[in-house]
N, C-alpha and C. Protein backbone atom coordinates (compact mmCIF):
# COMPACT_ATOMS: atom_id res chain seq x y z
N TYR A 1 -66.18 -34.37 8.68
CA TYR A 1 -65.21 -33.96 7.67
C TYR A 1 -65.94 -33.76 6.36
N ARG A 2 -65.73 -32.57 5.80
CA ARG A 2 -66.33 -32.26 4.50
C ARG A 2 -65.21 -32.02 3.50
N PRO A 3 -65.36 -32.50 2.28
CA PRO A 3 -64.32 -32.25 1.28
C PRO A 3 -64.27 -30.77 0.90
N GLY A 4 -63.09 -30.28 0.57
CA GLY A 4 -62.92 -28.89 0.18
C GLY A 4 -61.66 -28.30 0.83
N TRP A 5 -61.43 -27.08 0.52
CA TRP A 5 -60.25 -26.43 1.06
C TRP A 5 -60.58 -25.76 2.36
N ARG A 6 -59.58 -25.77 3.23
CA ARG A 6 -59.73 -25.08 4.51
C ARG A 6 -58.52 -24.16 4.68
N LEU A 7 -58.72 -23.00 5.15
CA LEU A 7 -57.65 -22.06 5.46
C LEU A 7 -57.48 -22.08 6.97
N THR A 8 -56.28 -22.44 7.42
CA THR A 8 -56.02 -22.56 8.85
C THR A 8 -54.89 -21.60 9.21
N ALA A 9 -55.05 -20.88 10.25
CA ALA A 9 -54.02 -19.98 10.74
C ALA A 9 -53.74 -20.32 12.19
N VAL A 10 -52.48 -20.33 12.55
CA VAL A 10 -52.07 -20.59 13.93
C VAL A 10 -51.50 -19.29 14.46
N LEU A 11 -52.14 -18.74 15.44
CA LEU A 11 -51.72 -17.46 16.01
C LEU A 11 -51.29 -17.66 17.44
N PRO A 12 -50.14 -17.17 17.79
CA PRO A 12 -49.74 -17.28 19.20
C PRO A 12 -50.56 -16.30 20.03
N VAL A 13 -51.09 -16.80 21.09
CA VAL A 13 -51.85 -15.96 22.00
C VAL A 13 -50.93 -15.46 23.09
N ALA A 14 -50.09 -16.34 23.57
CA ALA A 14 -49.17 -15.96 24.63
C ALA A 14 -47.95 -16.86 24.54
N PHE A 15 -46.81 -16.30 24.86
CA PHE A 15 -45.58 -17.08 24.88
C PHE A 15 -45.17 -17.36 26.32
N VAL A 16 -46.14 -17.41 27.17
CA VAL A 16 -45.86 -17.69 28.58
C VAL A 16 -45.43 -19.14 28.66
N ARG A 17 -44.31 -19.36 29.19
CA ARG A 17 -43.81 -20.73 29.28
C ARG A 17 -44.25 -21.34 30.61
N LEU A 18 -45.00 -22.35 30.45
CA LEU A 18 -45.43 -23.12 31.62
C LEU A 18 -44.92 -24.53 31.41
N GLY A 19 -43.75 -24.79 31.94
CA GLY A 19 -43.20 -26.12 31.75
C GLY A 19 -42.89 -26.39 30.29
N GLY A 20 -42.52 -25.35 29.51
CA GLY A 20 -42.16 -25.52 28.12
C GLY A 20 -43.33 -25.45 27.17
N LEU A 21 -44.50 -25.03 27.62
CA LEU A 21 -45.68 -24.96 26.76
C LEU A 21 -45.95 -23.53 26.34
N ALA A 22 -46.47 -23.37 25.14
CA ALA A 22 -46.94 -22.08 24.66
C ALA A 22 -48.39 -22.25 24.23
N VAL A 23 -49.19 -21.23 24.38
CA VAL A 23 -50.61 -21.31 24.07
C VAL A 23 -50.84 -20.72 22.69
N PHE A 24 -51.55 -21.46 21.81
CA PHE A 24 -51.85 -21.01 20.45
C PHE A 24 -53.35 -21.08 20.22
N GLN A 25 -53.82 -20.27 19.31
CA GLN A 25 -55.23 -20.29 18.92
C GLN A 25 -55.29 -20.72 17.46
N LEU A 26 -56.17 -21.62 17.14
CA LEU A 26 -56.34 -22.12 15.80
C LEU A 26 -57.61 -21.56 15.20
N ALA A 27 -57.51 -21.10 13.97
CA ALA A 27 -58.71 -20.62 13.29
C ALA A 27 -58.79 -21.34 11.96
N THR A 28 -59.89 -21.92 11.67
CA THR A 28 -60.09 -22.66 10.43
C THR A 28 -61.28 -22.07 9.70
N LEU A 29 -61.14 -21.93 8.40
CA LEU A 29 -62.20 -21.35 7.59
C LEU A 29 -62.38 -22.21 6.35
N GLU A 30 -63.61 -22.63 6.08
CA GLU A 30 -63.92 -23.41 4.88
C GLU A 30 -64.01 -22.45 3.70
N LEU A 31 -63.35 -22.80 2.62
CA LEU A 31 -63.35 -21.95 1.44
C LEU A 31 -64.13 -22.58 0.30
N GLU A 32 -64.85 -21.76 -0.38
CA GLU A 32 -65.55 -22.22 -1.58
C GLU A 32 -64.61 -22.09 -2.76
N ALA A 33 -64.97 -22.62 -3.88
CA ALA A 33 -64.12 -22.67 -5.06
C ALA A 33 -63.71 -21.27 -5.52
N SER A 34 -64.59 -20.32 -5.53
CA SER A 34 -64.26 -18.96 -6.00
C SER A 34 -63.31 -18.27 -5.03
N GLU A 35 -63.45 -18.57 -3.77
CA GLU A 35 -62.58 -17.93 -2.77
C GLU A 35 -61.19 -18.53 -2.77
N ARG A 36 -61.07 -19.79 -3.21
CA ARG A 36 -59.77 -20.45 -3.25
C ARG A 36 -58.79 -19.67 -4.14
N PHE A 37 -59.27 -19.24 -5.32
CA PHE A 37 -58.40 -18.52 -6.24
C PHE A 37 -58.00 -17.16 -5.69
N LYS A 38 -58.89 -16.54 -4.96
CA LYS A 38 -58.55 -15.26 -4.32
C LYS A 38 -57.45 -15.46 -3.28
N VAL A 39 -57.59 -16.50 -2.48
CA VAL A 39 -56.60 -16.77 -1.44
C VAL A 39 -55.26 -17.12 -2.07
N LEU A 40 -55.27 -17.96 -3.11
CA LEU A 40 -54.03 -18.30 -3.80
C LEU A 40 -53.40 -17.06 -4.44
N GLY A 41 -54.20 -16.19 -5.01
CA GLY A 41 -53.69 -14.95 -5.60
C GLY A 41 -53.05 -14.05 -4.57
N VAL A 42 -53.74 -13.91 -3.44
CA VAL A 42 -53.18 -13.06 -2.38
C VAL A 42 -51.89 -13.68 -1.84
N ALA A 43 -51.87 -15.00 -1.65
CA ALA A 43 -50.67 -15.68 -1.14
C ALA A 43 -49.51 -15.53 -2.14
N ALA A 44 -49.78 -15.72 -3.44
CA ALA A 44 -48.74 -15.58 -4.45
C ALA A 44 -48.24 -14.13 -4.51
N GLY A 45 -49.17 -13.19 -4.46
CA GLY A 45 -48.77 -11.77 -4.47
C GLY A 45 -47.93 -11.43 -3.24
N GLY A 46 -48.33 -11.94 -2.09
CA GLY A 46 -47.54 -11.71 -0.87
C GLY A 46 -46.16 -12.33 -0.96
N ALA A 47 -46.08 -13.55 -1.51
CA ALA A 47 -44.79 -14.21 -1.68
C ALA A 47 -43.89 -13.42 -2.62
N LEU A 48 -44.45 -12.92 -3.73
CA LEU A 48 -43.67 -12.11 -4.66
C LEU A 48 -43.21 -10.81 -4.01
N ALA A 49 -44.08 -10.20 -3.23
CA ALA A 49 -43.70 -8.96 -2.55
C ALA A 49 -42.57 -9.21 -1.56
N VAL A 50 -42.67 -10.31 -0.80
CA VAL A 50 -41.61 -10.65 0.16
C VAL A 50 -40.31 -10.92 -0.57
N CYS A 51 -40.35 -11.65 -1.70
CA CYS A 51 -39.15 -11.92 -2.49
C CYS A 51 -38.54 -10.63 -3.03
N ALA A 52 -39.39 -9.73 -3.52
CA ALA A 52 -38.89 -8.46 -4.05
C ALA A 52 -38.21 -7.65 -2.96
N VAL A 53 -38.83 -7.60 -1.79
CA VAL A 53 -38.23 -6.85 -0.66
C VAL A 53 -36.90 -7.48 -0.27
N LEU A 54 -36.84 -8.81 -0.23
CA LEU A 54 -35.60 -9.49 0.11
C LEU A 54 -34.51 -9.21 -0.93
N LEU A 55 -34.87 -9.24 -2.21
CA LEU A 55 -33.88 -8.95 -3.26
C LEU A 55 -33.35 -7.52 -3.16
N VAL A 56 -34.24 -6.58 -2.92
CA VAL A 56 -33.81 -5.18 -2.77
C VAL A 56 -32.91 -5.04 -1.54
N ALA A 57 -33.29 -5.69 -0.44
CA ALA A 57 -32.48 -5.63 0.78
C ALA A 57 -31.11 -6.26 0.55
N LEU A 58 -31.07 -7.40 -0.11
CA LEU A 58 -29.78 -8.05 -0.39
C LEU A 58 -28.92 -7.19 -1.31
N ALA A 59 -29.54 -6.59 -2.31
CA ALA A 59 -28.80 -5.71 -3.20
C ALA A 59 -28.24 -4.52 -2.44
N TRP A 60 -29.03 -3.96 -1.56
CA TRP A 60 -28.59 -2.79 -0.80
C TRP A 60 -27.51 -3.17 0.21
N LEU A 61 -27.66 -4.31 0.86
CA LEU A 61 -26.74 -4.69 1.93
C LEU A 61 -25.48 -5.38 1.43
N ILE A 62 -25.53 -6.04 0.28
CA ILE A 62 -24.38 -6.83 -0.17
C ILE A 62 -23.83 -6.32 -1.50
N GLN A 63 -24.68 -6.17 -2.49
CA GLN A 63 -24.17 -5.81 -3.81
C GLN A 63 -23.60 -4.40 -3.84
N ARG A 64 -24.27 -3.44 -3.24
CA ARG A 64 -23.80 -2.06 -3.25
C ARG A 64 -22.39 -1.94 -2.65
N PRO A 65 -22.11 -2.54 -1.46
CA PRO A 65 -20.74 -2.46 -0.94
C PRO A 65 -19.72 -3.15 -1.85
N LEU A 66 -20.11 -4.26 -2.47
CA LEU A 66 -19.16 -4.94 -3.35
C LEU A 66 -18.85 -4.13 -4.60
N VAL A 67 -19.84 -3.44 -5.13
CA VAL A 67 -19.61 -2.57 -6.29
C VAL A 67 -18.70 -1.40 -5.87
N GLU A 68 -18.98 -0.82 -4.70
CA GLU A 68 -18.13 0.26 -4.21
C GLU A 68 -16.70 -0.22 -4.00
N LEU A 69 -16.55 -1.42 -3.42
CA LEU A 69 -15.21 -1.99 -3.21
C LEU A 69 -14.49 -2.19 -4.53
N SER A 70 -15.20 -2.66 -5.53
CA SER A 70 -14.60 -2.85 -6.85
C SER A 70 -14.11 -1.52 -7.42
N HIS A 71 -14.88 -0.46 -7.29
CA HIS A 71 -14.46 0.86 -7.78
C HIS A 71 -13.25 1.37 -7.00
N LYS A 72 -13.24 1.16 -5.69
CA LYS A 72 -12.11 1.64 -4.88
C LYS A 72 -10.84 0.86 -5.19
N ILE A 73 -10.97 -0.44 -5.48
CA ILE A 73 -9.80 -1.23 -5.87
C ILE A 73 -9.22 -0.69 -7.16
N GLU A 74 -10.08 -0.33 -8.09
CA GLU A 74 -9.63 0.26 -9.36
C GLU A 74 -8.92 1.60 -9.09
N SER A 75 -9.46 2.39 -8.16
CA SER A 75 -8.82 3.67 -7.80
C SER A 75 -7.43 3.44 -7.24
N VAL A 76 -7.30 2.45 -6.36
CA VAL A 76 -5.99 2.14 -5.78
C VAL A 76 -5.04 1.65 -6.86
N ARG A 77 -5.54 0.83 -7.78
CA ARG A 77 -4.71 0.34 -8.88
C ARG A 77 -4.19 1.51 -9.71
N ASN A 78 -4.98 2.59 -9.81
CA ASN A 78 -4.56 3.77 -10.57
C ASN A 78 -3.72 4.74 -9.75
N GLY A 79 -3.40 4.37 -8.50
CA GLY A 79 -2.48 5.18 -7.70
C GLY A 79 -3.11 6.02 -6.61
N ASP A 80 -4.42 5.97 -6.44
CA ASP A 80 -5.08 6.77 -5.39
C ASP A 80 -5.01 6.00 -4.07
N LEU A 81 -4.02 6.33 -3.25
CA LEU A 81 -3.86 5.65 -1.97
C LEU A 81 -4.59 6.37 -0.84
N TYR A 82 -5.53 7.24 -1.20
CA TYR A 82 -6.40 7.87 -0.21
C TYR A 82 -7.83 7.36 -0.36
N ALA A 83 -8.02 6.31 -1.17
CA ALA A 83 -9.34 5.72 -1.38
C ALA A 83 -9.78 5.00 -0.11
N ARG A 84 -11.04 5.18 0.26
CA ARG A 84 -11.63 4.51 1.43
C ARG A 84 -13.03 4.08 1.08
N VAL A 85 -13.44 2.94 1.66
CA VAL A 85 -14.82 2.50 1.45
C VAL A 85 -15.68 3.05 2.58
N SER A 86 -16.93 3.33 2.27
CA SER A 86 -17.82 3.97 3.24
C SER A 86 -18.51 2.98 4.16
N PHE A 87 -18.46 1.70 3.85
CA PHE A 87 -19.22 0.73 4.63
C PHE A 87 -18.37 0.06 5.72
N SER A 88 -17.23 0.62 6.04
CA SER A 88 -16.34 0.00 7.03
C SER A 88 -16.86 0.13 8.46
N ASP A 89 -17.86 0.96 8.69
CA ASP A 89 -18.40 1.12 10.04
C ASP A 89 -19.50 0.12 10.34
N ARG A 90 -19.85 -0.71 9.36
CA ARG A 90 -20.88 -1.74 9.60
C ARG A 90 -20.34 -2.80 10.55
N ASP A 91 -21.24 -3.42 11.29
CA ASP A 91 -20.85 -4.42 12.29
C ASP A 91 -21.20 -5.83 11.78
N ASP A 92 -20.66 -6.17 10.59
CA ASP A 92 -20.88 -7.49 10.04
C ASP A 92 -19.67 -7.84 9.18
N ASP A 93 -19.75 -8.94 8.45
CA ASP A 93 -18.61 -9.38 7.64
C ASP A 93 -18.28 -8.38 6.54
N ILE A 94 -19.28 -7.74 5.97
CA ILE A 94 -19.04 -6.73 4.94
C ILE A 94 -18.28 -5.55 5.55
N GLY A 95 -18.68 -5.12 6.75
CA GLY A 95 -17.98 -4.04 7.43
C GLY A 95 -16.55 -4.43 7.76
N TYR A 96 -16.35 -5.69 8.17
CA TYR A 96 -15.00 -6.19 8.47
C TYR A 96 -14.14 -6.16 7.21
N LEU A 97 -14.72 -6.53 6.08
CA LEU A 97 -14.02 -6.46 4.80
C LEU A 97 -13.62 -5.01 4.49
N GLY A 98 -14.55 -4.08 4.72
CA GLY A 98 -14.25 -2.67 4.49
C GLY A 98 -13.16 -2.15 5.41
N GLN A 99 -13.18 -2.56 6.68
CA GLN A 99 -12.14 -2.14 7.62
C GLN A 99 -10.77 -2.65 7.16
N ASN A 100 -10.73 -3.92 6.74
CA ASN A 100 -9.46 -4.48 6.26
C ASN A 100 -8.97 -3.79 5.00
N PHE A 101 -9.89 -3.45 4.10
CA PHE A 101 -9.49 -2.73 2.89
C PHE A 101 -8.91 -1.36 3.24
N ASN A 102 -9.60 -0.61 4.10
CA ASN A 102 -9.11 0.71 4.49
C ASN A 102 -7.75 0.61 5.18
N GLU A 103 -7.56 -0.40 6.03
CA GLU A 103 -6.28 -0.58 6.72
C GLU A 103 -5.18 -0.92 5.72
N MET A 104 -5.50 -1.77 4.75
CA MET A 104 -4.51 -2.14 3.74
C MET A 104 -4.08 -0.91 2.93
N VAL A 105 -5.04 -0.08 2.55
CA VAL A 105 -4.71 1.12 1.77
C VAL A 105 -3.88 2.08 2.62
N ARG A 106 -4.20 2.20 3.91
CA ARG A 106 -3.41 3.06 4.80
C ARG A 106 -1.97 2.57 4.89
N GLN A 107 -1.78 1.25 5.02
CA GLN A 107 -0.43 0.69 5.09
C GLN A 107 0.32 0.88 3.78
N LEU A 108 -0.37 0.73 2.66
CA LEU A 108 0.26 0.99 1.36
C LEU A 108 0.70 2.44 1.25
N ARG A 109 -0.16 3.36 1.71
CA ARG A 109 0.17 4.79 1.65
C ARG A 109 1.40 5.09 2.52
N GLU A 110 1.42 4.53 3.74
CA GLU A 110 2.56 4.77 4.63
C GLU A 110 3.84 4.17 4.05
N SER A 111 3.73 2.98 3.44
CA SER A 111 4.91 2.35 2.83
C SER A 111 5.42 3.19 1.66
N ARG A 112 4.49 3.69 0.85
CA ARG A 112 4.90 4.54 -0.27
C ARG A 112 5.59 5.80 0.23
N ASP A 113 5.02 6.43 1.26
CA ASP A 113 5.62 7.65 1.81
C ASP A 113 7.01 7.37 2.37
N GLU A 114 7.18 6.22 3.03
CA GLU A 114 8.49 5.85 3.59
C GLU A 114 9.49 5.60 2.46
N LEU A 115 9.05 4.92 1.39
CA LEU A 115 9.93 4.69 0.25
C LEU A 115 10.33 6.00 -0.42
N GLN A 116 9.39 6.93 -0.51
CA GLN A 116 9.72 8.22 -1.09
C GLN A 116 10.72 8.98 -0.22
N ARG A 117 10.55 8.88 1.09
CA ARG A 117 11.49 9.54 2.01
C ARG A 117 12.89 8.93 1.87
N ILE A 118 12.95 7.58 1.82
CA ILE A 118 14.25 6.90 1.67
C ILE A 118 14.87 7.25 0.32
N HIS A 119 14.05 7.28 -0.72
CA HIS A 119 14.56 7.64 -2.05
C HIS A 119 15.11 9.07 -2.05
N GLN A 120 14.39 9.97 -1.41
CA GLN A 120 14.86 11.36 -1.35
C GLN A 120 16.19 11.45 -0.60
N THR A 121 16.31 10.71 0.50
CA THR A 121 17.55 10.69 1.27
C THR A 121 18.69 10.14 0.43
N GLN A 122 18.41 9.05 -0.30
CA GLN A 122 19.45 8.45 -1.14
C GLN A 122 19.86 9.40 -2.28
N MET A 123 18.89 10.11 -2.84
CA MET A 123 19.21 11.06 -3.90
C MET A 123 20.07 12.21 -3.38
N CYS A 124 19.76 12.69 -2.18
CA CYS A 124 20.57 13.76 -1.58
C CYS A 124 21.98 13.27 -1.33
N ARG A 125 22.08 12.03 -0.83
CA ARG A 125 23.40 11.45 -0.57
C ARG A 125 24.17 11.28 -1.87
N ALA A 126 23.50 10.82 -2.92
CA ALA A 126 24.17 10.63 -4.21
C ALA A 126 24.63 11.97 -4.78
N GLU A 127 23.78 13.00 -4.65
CA GLU A 127 24.18 14.33 -5.12
C GLU A 127 25.39 14.85 -4.34
N HIS A 128 25.38 14.59 -3.03
CA HIS A 128 26.49 15.02 -2.18
C HIS A 128 27.78 14.32 -2.60
N LEU A 129 27.69 12.99 -2.83
CA LEU A 129 28.87 12.24 -3.24
C LEU A 129 29.34 12.67 -4.63
N ALA A 130 28.41 12.97 -5.53
CA ALA A 130 28.78 13.44 -6.86
C ALA A 130 29.51 14.77 -6.77
N THR A 131 29.03 15.65 -5.91
CA THR A 131 29.69 16.95 -5.72
C THR A 131 31.10 16.75 -5.15
N LEU A 132 31.22 15.86 -4.17
CA LEU A 132 32.55 15.57 -3.61
C LEU A 132 33.47 14.98 -4.67
N GLY A 133 32.93 14.10 -5.52
CA GLY A 133 33.74 13.51 -6.59
C GLY A 133 34.23 14.56 -7.57
N GLU A 134 33.35 15.48 -7.93
CA GLU A 134 33.76 16.56 -8.84
C GLU A 134 34.82 17.45 -8.20
N LEU A 135 34.62 17.74 -6.92
CA LEU A 135 35.60 18.56 -6.19
C LEU A 135 36.94 17.85 -6.12
N ALA A 136 36.92 16.54 -5.81
CA ALA A 136 38.16 15.77 -5.72
C ALA A 136 38.85 15.71 -7.08
N ALA A 137 38.10 15.50 -8.14
CA ALA A 137 38.70 15.44 -9.48
C ALA A 137 39.32 16.79 -9.85
N GLY A 138 38.61 17.87 -9.55
CA GLY A 138 39.15 19.20 -9.85
C GLY A 138 40.39 19.50 -9.03
N LEU A 139 40.34 19.14 -7.76
CA LEU A 139 41.49 19.36 -6.87
C LEU A 139 42.68 18.53 -7.33
N ALA A 140 42.45 17.28 -7.67
CA ALA A 140 43.54 16.42 -8.12
C ALA A 140 44.16 16.97 -9.39
N HIS A 141 43.34 17.43 -10.30
CA HIS A 141 43.86 17.99 -11.55
C HIS A 141 44.70 19.24 -11.27
N GLU A 142 44.19 20.10 -10.39
CA GLU A 142 44.90 21.34 -10.09
C GLU A 142 46.22 21.07 -9.35
N VAL A 143 46.29 20.01 -8.58
CA VAL A 143 47.52 19.70 -7.84
C VAL A 143 48.48 18.91 -8.72
N ARG A 144 48.00 18.03 -9.57
CA ARG A 144 48.87 17.19 -10.40
C ARG A 144 49.64 18.00 -11.44
N ASN A 145 49.01 19.01 -12.00
CA ASN A 145 49.73 19.80 -13.02
C ASN A 145 50.99 20.46 -12.45
N PRO A 146 50.89 21.22 -11.35
CA PRO A 146 52.14 21.79 -10.81
C PRO A 146 53.08 20.72 -10.26
N LEU A 147 52.50 19.63 -9.73
CA LEU A 147 53.33 18.56 -9.17
C LEU A 147 54.15 17.89 -10.28
N ALA A 148 53.55 17.75 -11.45
CA ALA A 148 54.30 17.17 -12.58
C ALA A 148 55.46 18.08 -12.96
N GLY A 149 55.20 19.40 -12.94
CA GLY A 149 56.29 20.34 -13.23
C GLY A 149 57.39 20.26 -12.19
N ILE A 150 56.99 20.15 -10.92
CA ILE A 150 57.98 20.06 -9.84
C ILE A 150 58.77 18.76 -9.99
N ALA A 151 58.09 17.64 -10.26
CA ALA A 151 58.77 16.36 -10.41
C ALA A 151 59.75 16.40 -11.57
N GLY A 152 59.34 17.02 -12.69
CA GLY A 152 60.25 17.14 -13.83
C GLY A 152 61.47 17.99 -13.50
N ALA A 153 61.25 19.12 -12.81
CA ALA A 153 62.38 19.99 -12.45
C ALA A 153 63.32 19.29 -11.49
N VAL A 154 62.80 18.55 -10.54
CA VAL A 154 63.65 17.83 -9.58
C VAL A 154 64.44 16.75 -10.30
N ASP A 155 63.84 16.07 -11.25
CA ASP A 155 64.58 15.05 -12.00
C ASP A 155 65.75 15.67 -12.77
N ILE A 156 65.48 16.81 -13.41
CA ILE A 156 66.53 17.50 -14.17
C ILE A 156 67.65 17.95 -13.23
N LEU A 157 67.27 18.53 -12.07
CA LEU A 157 68.28 18.96 -11.09
C LEU A 157 69.08 17.77 -10.59
N GLY A 158 68.38 16.66 -10.35
CA GLY A 158 69.07 15.47 -9.86
C GLY A 158 70.05 14.93 -10.87
N GLN A 159 69.77 15.03 -12.15
CA GLN A 159 70.69 14.55 -13.19
C GLN A 159 71.87 15.48 -13.37
N GLU A 160 71.69 16.78 -13.13
CA GLU A 160 72.77 17.75 -13.33
C GLU A 160 73.70 17.86 -12.13
N LEU A 161 73.27 17.39 -10.97
CA LEU A 161 74.15 17.45 -9.79
C LEU A 161 75.22 16.37 -9.90
N PRO A 162 76.41 16.72 -9.46
CA PRO A 162 77.47 15.70 -9.47
C PRO A 162 77.14 14.60 -8.46
N ALA A 163 77.67 13.42 -8.69
CA ALA A 163 77.37 12.26 -7.84
C ALA A 163 77.83 12.48 -6.42
N SER A 164 78.82 13.28 -6.19
CA SER A 164 79.32 13.50 -4.84
C SER A 164 78.63 14.65 -4.12
N SER A 165 77.68 15.27 -4.78
CA SER A 165 77.01 16.44 -4.20
C SER A 165 76.08 16.01 -3.07
N PRO A 166 76.08 16.74 -1.91
CA PRO A 166 75.17 16.42 -0.81
C PRO A 166 73.71 16.73 -1.18
N GLY A 167 73.44 17.49 -2.22
CA GLY A 167 72.08 17.83 -2.64
C GLY A 167 71.37 16.66 -3.30
N ARG A 168 72.14 15.63 -3.74
CA ARG A 168 71.53 14.47 -4.38
C ARG A 168 70.58 13.74 -3.42
N SER A 169 70.96 13.66 -2.15
CA SER A 169 70.09 12.96 -1.18
C SER A 169 68.79 13.74 -0.98
N ILE A 170 68.89 15.06 -1.05
CA ILE A 170 67.69 15.89 -0.90
C ILE A 170 66.78 15.71 -2.11
N VAL A 171 67.37 15.60 -3.32
CA VAL A 171 66.59 15.38 -4.54
C VAL A 171 65.84 14.06 -4.43
N GLY A 172 66.48 13.03 -3.89
CA GLY A 172 65.82 11.73 -3.71
C GLY A 172 64.64 11.83 -2.74
N GLU A 173 64.83 12.61 -1.67
CA GLU A 173 63.73 12.80 -0.70
C GLU A 173 62.56 13.57 -1.35
N VAL A 174 62.86 14.57 -2.15
CA VAL A 174 61.82 15.35 -2.82
C VAL A 174 61.05 14.45 -3.80
N GLN A 175 61.79 13.61 -4.55
CA GLN A 175 61.13 12.70 -5.47
C GLN A 175 60.22 11.72 -4.73
N GLN A 176 60.68 11.26 -3.57
CA GLN A 176 59.86 10.35 -2.76
C GLN A 176 58.59 11.07 -2.28
N GLU A 177 58.67 12.32 -1.86
CA GLU A 177 57.51 13.09 -1.41
C GLU A 177 56.55 13.37 -2.57
N VAL A 178 57.09 13.60 -3.79
CA VAL A 178 56.23 13.81 -4.96
C VAL A 178 55.42 12.54 -5.23
N ARG A 179 56.09 11.36 -5.14
CA ARG A 179 55.37 10.09 -5.33
C ARG A 179 54.31 9.90 -4.24
N ARG A 180 54.62 10.30 -3.01
CA ARG A 180 53.65 10.18 -1.92
C ARG A 180 52.43 11.09 -2.18
N ILE A 181 52.66 12.31 -2.65
CA ILE A 181 51.55 13.22 -2.96
C ILE A 181 50.71 12.64 -4.10
N GLN A 182 51.35 12.04 -5.12
CA GLN A 182 50.60 11.41 -6.21
C GLN A 182 49.75 10.24 -5.71
N ALA A 183 50.30 9.47 -4.78
CA ALA A 183 49.53 8.34 -4.21
C ALA A 183 48.33 8.86 -3.42
N ILE A 184 48.51 9.95 -2.68
CA ILE A 184 47.40 10.55 -1.93
C ILE A 184 46.31 11.03 -2.89
N LEU A 185 46.70 11.66 -3.99
CA LEU A 185 45.74 12.12 -4.98
C LEU A 185 44.98 10.94 -5.61
N ASN A 186 45.69 9.85 -5.88
CA ASN A 186 45.02 8.65 -6.44
C ASN A 186 44.01 8.07 -5.45
N GLU A 187 44.38 8.02 -4.18
CA GLU A 187 43.45 7.53 -3.15
C GLU A 187 42.24 8.45 -3.04
N LEU A 188 42.47 9.75 -3.11
CA LEU A 188 41.36 10.71 -3.05
C LEU A 188 40.40 10.48 -4.22
N LEU A 189 40.93 10.26 -5.42
CA LEU A 189 40.07 10.02 -6.57
C LEU A 189 39.36 8.67 -6.47
N ASP A 190 40.03 7.68 -5.92
CA ASP A 190 39.38 6.37 -5.74
C ASP A 190 38.23 6.50 -4.75
């Protein structure tokens, strides 16, 4: 045993399993003081390079979809129910999130379309009922004016007929029919 640094590498030679054993080759190299700093520099540079690659990969795989999702949520908030995320075809949790987002937006769009259809139907029905109401009011007005004249004339005739006149019973029947027509007009307006 000599004091100093040693660089040791373990390299797999074969992964043949013989009763759970794997064969490895060991290589050891004695380093002098000047070479130690070179090895440490290369190791540190390699570690930094691996970290940089990992950060870029994480940014590409995780941050980019989350930023896109944030923009699409803002689009939906502003009323764009045709917004879709592009990462929904991925086969991981991020892709599952994208699939759920796209499905949610599709359901919102279908619900909005159904509400618009129901609203349109209700508006048509309300317009139809308003038209019927105007027609009924016009019809009632047109019938009530002559009916009031008829009712007044029948009352005057009924007062001028002698009490023993057989026409008095007919006047009573006419007055009853006038009241029935007025009741029908009131029901129509109601």
